[in-house]
N, C-alpha and C. Protein backbone atom coordinates (compact mmCIF):
# COMPACT_ATOMS: atom_id res chain seq x y z
N MET A 1 -93.21 136.41 -38.28
CA MET A 1 -93.14 137.77 -38.99
C MET A 1 -94.48 137.89 -39.88
N ILE A 2 -94.94 136.61 -40.46
CA ILE A 2 -95.92 136.81 -41.21
C ILE A 2 -97.36 137.29 -40.88
N LEU A 3 -97.25 136.72 -39.40
CA LEU A 3 -98.36 136.96 -38.40
C LEU A 3 -98.76 138.20 -38.06
N ALA A 4 -97.53 138.87 -37.92
CA ALA A 4 -97.47 140.18 -37.47
C ALA A 4 -98.08 141.09 -38.59
N LEU A 5 -97.57 141.00 -39.86
CA LEU A 5 -98.01 141.68 -40.89
C LEU A 5 -99.30 141.60 -41.14
N LEU A 6 -99.86 140.27 -41.31
CA LEU A 6 -101.47 139.99 -41.20
C LEU A 6 -102.23 140.83 -40.03
N LEU A 7 -101.69 140.80 -39.20
CA LEU A 7 -102.36 141.57 -37.82
C LEU A 7 -102.33 143.06 -38.35
N ALA A 8 -101.30 143.31 -38.68
CA ALA A 8 -101.25 144.67 -39.02
C ALA A 8 -102.16 145.30 -40.16
N ALA A 9 -102.27 144.28 -41.15
CA ALA A 9 -103.18 144.77 -42.45
C ALA A 9 -104.53 144.61 -41.82
N ALA A 10 -104.79 143.98 -41.00
CA ALA A 10 -106.32 143.71 -40.61
C ALA A 10 -106.76 144.99 -39.67
N LEU A 11 -105.69 145.41 -39.03
CA LEU A 11 -105.93 146.45 -38.09
C LEU A 11 -105.89 147.88 -38.48
N VAL A 12 -105.15 148.29 -39.42
CA VAL A 12 -104.88 149.50 -40.48
C VAL A 12 -106.07 150.08 -41.03
N PRO A 13 -106.79 149.34 -41.49
CA PRO A 13 -108.24 149.96 -41.98
C PRO A 13 -109.14 150.46 -40.91
N GLY A 14 -109.08 149.79 -39.55
CA GLY A 14 -110.03 149.95 -38.66
C GLY A 14 -109.49 151.51 -37.95
N ALA A 15 -108.13 151.32 -37.92
CA ALA A 15 -107.40 152.41 -37.11
C ALA A 15 -107.67 153.78 -37.99
N ALA A 16 -107.58 153.54 -39.50
CA ALA A 16 -107.78 154.79 -40.26
C ALA A 16 -109.01 155.27 -40.30
N THR A 17 -109.88 154.49 -40.15
CA THR A 17 -111.36 154.97 -40.15
C THR A 17 -111.64 155.38 -38.79
N ALA A 18 -111.15 154.98 -37.67
CA ALA A 18 -111.18 155.71 -36.38
C ALA A 18 -110.79 157.23 -36.36
N TRP A 19 -109.50 157.17 -36.96
CA TRP A 19 -108.84 158.50 -37.06
C TRP A 19 -109.62 159.52 -37.92
N THR A 20 -110.11 158.99 -39.22
CA THR A 20 -110.89 159.97 -39.87
C THR A 20 -111.98 160.54 -39.32
N LEU A 21 -112.69 159.59 -38.54
CA LEU A 21 -114.11 160.01 -37.96
C LEU A 21 -114.10 160.52 -36.60
N ARG A 22 -112.93 161.27 -36.20
CA ARG A 22 -112.46 161.24 -34.64
C ARG A 22 -113.18 162.72 -34.49
N HIS A 23 -113.54 163.47 -35.39
CA HIS A 23 -113.98 164.82 -35.43
C HIS A 23 -115.58 164.56 -34.93
N ARG A 24 -116.11 163.49 -35.21
CA ARG A 24 -117.67 163.13 -34.97
C ARG A 24 -117.83 162.42 -33.56
N GLY A 25 -116.70 162.30 -32.73
CA GLY A 25 -116.84 161.77 -31.37
C GLY A 25 -115.93 160.21 -31.45
N TRP A 26 -115.14 160.48 -30.42
CA TRP A 26 -114.43 159.30 -30.22
C TRP A 26 -115.26 157.76 -29.98
N ALA A 27 -116.57 158.03 -29.49
CA ALA A 27 -117.27 156.73 -29.66
C ALA A 27 -117.61 156.19 -30.69
N LEU A 28 -118.55 157.22 -31.78
CA LEU A 28 -118.77 156.79 -32.82
C LEU A 28 -117.51 156.23 -33.97
N ALA A 29 -116.29 156.80 -33.75
CA ALA A 29 -115.10 156.58 -34.19
C ALA A 29 -114.60 155.14 -34.18
N CYS A 30 -114.81 154.74 -32.62
CA CYS A 30 -114.06 153.31 -32.16
C CYS A 30 -115.22 152.49 -32.73
N ALA A 31 -116.42 152.74 -32.49
CA ALA A 31 -117.52 151.84 -33.11
C ALA A 31 -117.29 151.73 -34.63
N ALA A 32 -117.05 152.47 -35.53
CA ALA A 32 -116.96 152.60 -36.96
C ALA A 32 -115.50 151.45 -37.10
N GLY A 33 -114.58 152.14 -36.65
CA GLY A 33 -113.37 151.13 -36.56
C GLY A 33 -113.02 149.87 -36.28
N ALA A 34 -113.80 149.61 -35.15
CA ALA A 34 -114.33 148.31 -34.91
C ALA A 34 -114.92 147.49 -35.92
N ALA A 35 -116.25 148.13 -36.62
CA ALA A 35 -116.87 147.41 -37.34
C ALA A 35 -115.92 147.20 -38.83
N VAL A 36 -115.01 148.07 -39.13
CA VAL A 36 -114.09 147.95 -40.02
C VAL A 36 -113.33 146.85 -40.07
N THR A 37 -112.56 146.27 -38.72
CA THR A 37 -111.91 145.50 -38.78
C THR A 37 -112.48 144.05 -38.50
N ILE A 38 -113.59 144.09 -37.92
CA ILE A 38 -114.44 142.67 -37.97
C ILE A 38 -115.05 142.42 -39.22
N SER A 39 -115.36 143.36 -39.95
CA SER A 39 -115.73 142.92 -41.36
C SER A 39 -114.64 142.30 -42.29
N LEU A 40 -113.38 142.75 -42.14
CA LEU A 40 -112.30 141.82 -43.01
C LEU A 40 -112.35 140.65 -42.98
N PRO A 41 -112.27 140.03 -41.97
CA PRO A 41 -112.31 138.30 -42.08
C PRO A 41 -113.34 137.96 -43.03
N GLY A 42 -114.68 138.44 -42.37
CA GLY A 42 -115.89 137.93 -43.37
C GLY A 42 -115.96 138.27 -44.77
N LEU A 43 -115.06 139.20 -45.25
CA LEU A 43 -114.82 139.81 -46.45
C LEU A 43 -113.86 138.65 -47.20
N VAL A 44 -112.79 138.37 -46.51
CA VAL A 44 -111.81 136.99 -46.92
C VAL A 44 -112.87 136.01 -47.18
N VAL A 45 -113.60 135.60 -46.27
CA VAL A 45 -113.95 134.29 -46.04
C VAL A 45 -115.18 134.25 -47.64
N SER A 46 -115.87 135.00 -47.68
CA SER A 46 -116.65 135.18 -48.61
C SER A 46 -116.05 135.33 -50.14
N VAL A 47 -114.85 135.80 -50.36
CA VAL A 47 -113.97 135.76 -51.34
C VAL A 47 -113.69 134.20 -51.47
N LEU A 48 -113.06 133.37 -50.58
CA LEU A 48 -112.55 132.13 -50.73
C LEU A 48 -113.86 131.30 -51.09
N VAL A 49 -115.07 131.72 -50.62
CA VAL A 49 -116.25 130.83 -51.03
C VAL A 49 -116.48 131.06 -52.72
N LEU A 50 -116.51 132.16 -52.92
CA LEU A 50 -116.73 132.78 -54.17
C LEU A 50 -115.75 132.37 -55.14
N PHE A 51 -114.66 132.08 -54.95
CA PHE A 51 -113.67 131.69 -55.76
C PHE A 51 -112.82 130.41 -55.19
N PRO A 52 -113.30 129.18 -55.34
CA PRO A 52 -112.62 128.32 -54.87
C PRO A 52 -111.08 127.99 -55.38
N PRO A 53 -110.31 128.47 -56.34
CA PRO A 53 -109.05 128.26 -56.57
C PRO A 53 -108.49 129.06 -55.51
N LEU A 54 -108.85 130.17 -55.40
CA LEU A 54 -108.13 130.96 -54.25
C LEU A 54 -108.08 130.38 -53.02
N GLY A 55 -109.36 129.66 -52.60
CA GLY A 55 -109.34 129.26 -51.43
C GLY A 55 -108.53 127.91 -51.33
N ALA A 56 -108.50 127.10 -52.31
CA ALA A 56 -107.17 126.04 -52.26
C ALA A 56 -105.92 126.45 -52.31
N ALA A 57 -105.44 127.62 -52.76
CA ALA A 57 -104.17 128.15 -52.65
C ALA A 57 -103.78 128.69 -51.53
N ALA A 58 -104.68 129.29 -51.11
CA ALA A 58 -104.92 129.78 -49.62
C ALA A 58 -104.67 128.71 -48.75
N ALA A 59 -105.19 127.70 -48.79
CA ALA A 59 -105.31 126.65 -47.71
C ALA A 59 -103.59 125.68 -48.25
N LEU A 60 -103.41 125.75 -49.27
CA LEU A 60 -102.10 125.16 -49.36
C LEU A 60 -101.19 125.92 -48.69
N ALA A 61 -100.98 127.41 -48.96
CA ALA A 61 -100.08 127.87 -48.27
C ALA A 61 -100.17 128.05 -46.87
N CYS A 62 -101.12 128.01 -46.24
CA CYS A 62 -101.15 127.92 -44.88
C CYS A 62 -100.71 126.67 -44.29
N ALA A 63 -100.97 125.68 -45.14
CA ALA A 63 -100.54 124.24 -44.53
C ALA A 63 -99.16 124.24 -44.48
N ILE A 64 -98.86 125.00 -45.60
CA ILE A 64 -97.09 124.73 -45.71
C ILE A 64 -96.45 125.61 -44.47
N ALA A 65 -97.22 126.75 -44.30
CA ALA A 65 -96.70 127.65 -42.87
C ALA A 65 -96.96 126.91 -41.79
N ALA A 66 -97.93 126.22 -41.77
CA ALA A 66 -97.78 125.48 -40.55
C ALA A 66 -97.15 124.48 -40.18
N LEU A 67 -96.92 123.66 -41.36
CA LEU A 67 -95.52 122.73 -41.21
C LEU A 67 -94.53 123.25 -40.77
N ARG A 68 -94.05 124.49 -41.36
CA ARG A 68 -92.68 125.08 -41.04
C ARG A 68 -92.74 125.66 -39.62
N ALA A 69 -93.61 126.13 -39.30
CA ALA A 69 -93.98 126.61 -37.90
C ALA A 69 -93.49 125.51 -36.81
N TYR A 70 -94.47 124.50 -37.18
CA TYR A 70 -94.41 123.04 -36.31
C TYR A 70 -92.71 122.52 -36.32
N ASP A 71 -92.20 122.71 -37.47
CA ASP A 71 -90.72 122.24 -37.62
C ASP A 71 -89.65 123.38 -36.77
N ASP A 72 -90.37 124.24 -36.64
CA ASP A 72 -89.59 125.18 -35.85
C ASP A 72 -89.65 125.11 -34.31
N GLY A 73 -90.57 124.51 -34.07
CA GLY A 73 -91.22 124.36 -32.73
C GLY A 73 -91.92 125.56 -32.05
N ARG A 74 -92.78 126.22 -33.27
CA ARG A 74 -93.77 127.22 -32.57
C ARG A 74 -95.15 126.38 -32.95
N VAL A 75 -95.42 126.01 -31.55
CA VAL A 75 -96.51 125.26 -31.71
C VAL A 75 -98.06 126.22 -31.55
N TRP A 76 -97.90 127.24 -31.16
CA TRP A 76 -99.04 128.18 -31.14
C TRP A 76 -99.20 128.55 -32.71
N ALA A 77 -98.10 129.06 -33.35
CA ALA A 77 -98.41 129.86 -34.52
C ALA A 77 -98.73 128.58 -35.60
N GLY A 78 -98.39 127.21 -35.23
CA GLY A 78 -98.49 126.35 -36.40
C GLY A 78 -100.08 125.92 -36.19
N THR A 79 -100.49 126.03 -34.77
CA THR A 79 -102.02 125.45 -34.64
C THR A 79 -102.93 126.86 -35.30
N ALA A 80 -102.29 128.12 -35.23
CA ALA A 80 -103.07 128.83 -35.92
C ALA A 80 -102.87 128.78 -37.46
N TRP A 81 -101.97 128.67 -37.82
CA TRP A 81 -102.00 128.39 -39.44
C TRP A 81 -102.77 127.15 -39.68
N THR A 82 -102.83 126.03 -39.19
CA THR A 82 -103.60 125.06 -39.35
C THR A 82 -105.15 125.31 -39.18
N ALA A 83 -105.43 126.22 -38.51
CA ALA A 83 -107.05 126.48 -38.29
C ALA A 83 -107.06 127.34 -39.58
N ALA A 84 -106.40 128.15 -39.99
CA ALA A 84 -106.83 128.96 -41.34
C ALA A 84 -106.32 127.96 -42.50
N ALA A 85 -105.89 127.25 -42.36
CA ALA A 85 -105.87 126.15 -43.59
C ALA A 85 -107.11 125.28 -43.72
N ALA A 86 -107.72 124.87 -42.33
CA ALA A 86 -109.00 124.05 -42.18
C ALA A 86 -110.32 125.36 -42.76
N LEU A 87 -110.09 126.45 -42.44
CA LEU A 87 -110.95 127.11 -42.84
C LEU A 87 -111.04 127.54 -44.24
N ALA A 88 -110.09 127.67 -44.85
CA ALA A 88 -109.72 127.85 -46.29
C ALA A 88 -110.21 126.58 -47.17
N PHE A 89 -109.89 125.53 -46.76
CA PHE A 89 -110.25 124.33 -47.28
C PHE A 89 -111.67 124.04 -47.17
N THR A 90 -112.41 124.54 -46.00
CA THR A 90 -113.76 124.48 -46.19
C THR A 90 -114.38 125.39 -46.96
N CYS A 91 -113.77 126.44 -46.88
CA CYS A 91 -114.63 127.50 -47.83
C CYS A 91 -114.51 126.97 -49.28
N ALA A 92 -113.21 126.22 -49.68
CA ALA A 92 -113.17 126.08 -51.16
C ALA A 92 -114.21 124.63 -51.42
N ALA A 93 -114.28 123.87 -50.46
CA ALA A 93 -115.37 122.81 -50.79
C ALA A 93 -116.65 123.04 -50.37
N VAL A 94 -116.96 124.17 -50.31
CA VAL A 94 -118.54 124.48 -49.94
C VAL A 94 -118.93 124.47 -51.38
N THR A 95 -118.39 125.10 -52.53
CA THR A 95 -118.78 125.40 -53.71
C THR A 95 -118.66 124.24 -54.77
N LEU A 96 -117.22 123.35 -54.26
CA LEU A 96 -117.36 122.17 -55.33
C LEU A 96 -118.18 121.25 -55.08
């Protein structure tokens, strides 16, 4: 459920950008929407690097979510949460 919410949160700004710019042509609108969608993970990573306690908290939350997913037998979701935890730990450790 939370993965679906995260996916929606990542895609909604890009879709809104494309819908707003549709009067300038669909090619430009789709390119702008894709750029907004792709820039969100970069923004999250830069925030985690600039504020290490947030990176540590995010890593801990992702690790707990990964353990719960593995306990429920959802291997792919657990692996995704593990990768997110590793990225957050790495971002937090860059500035420590």
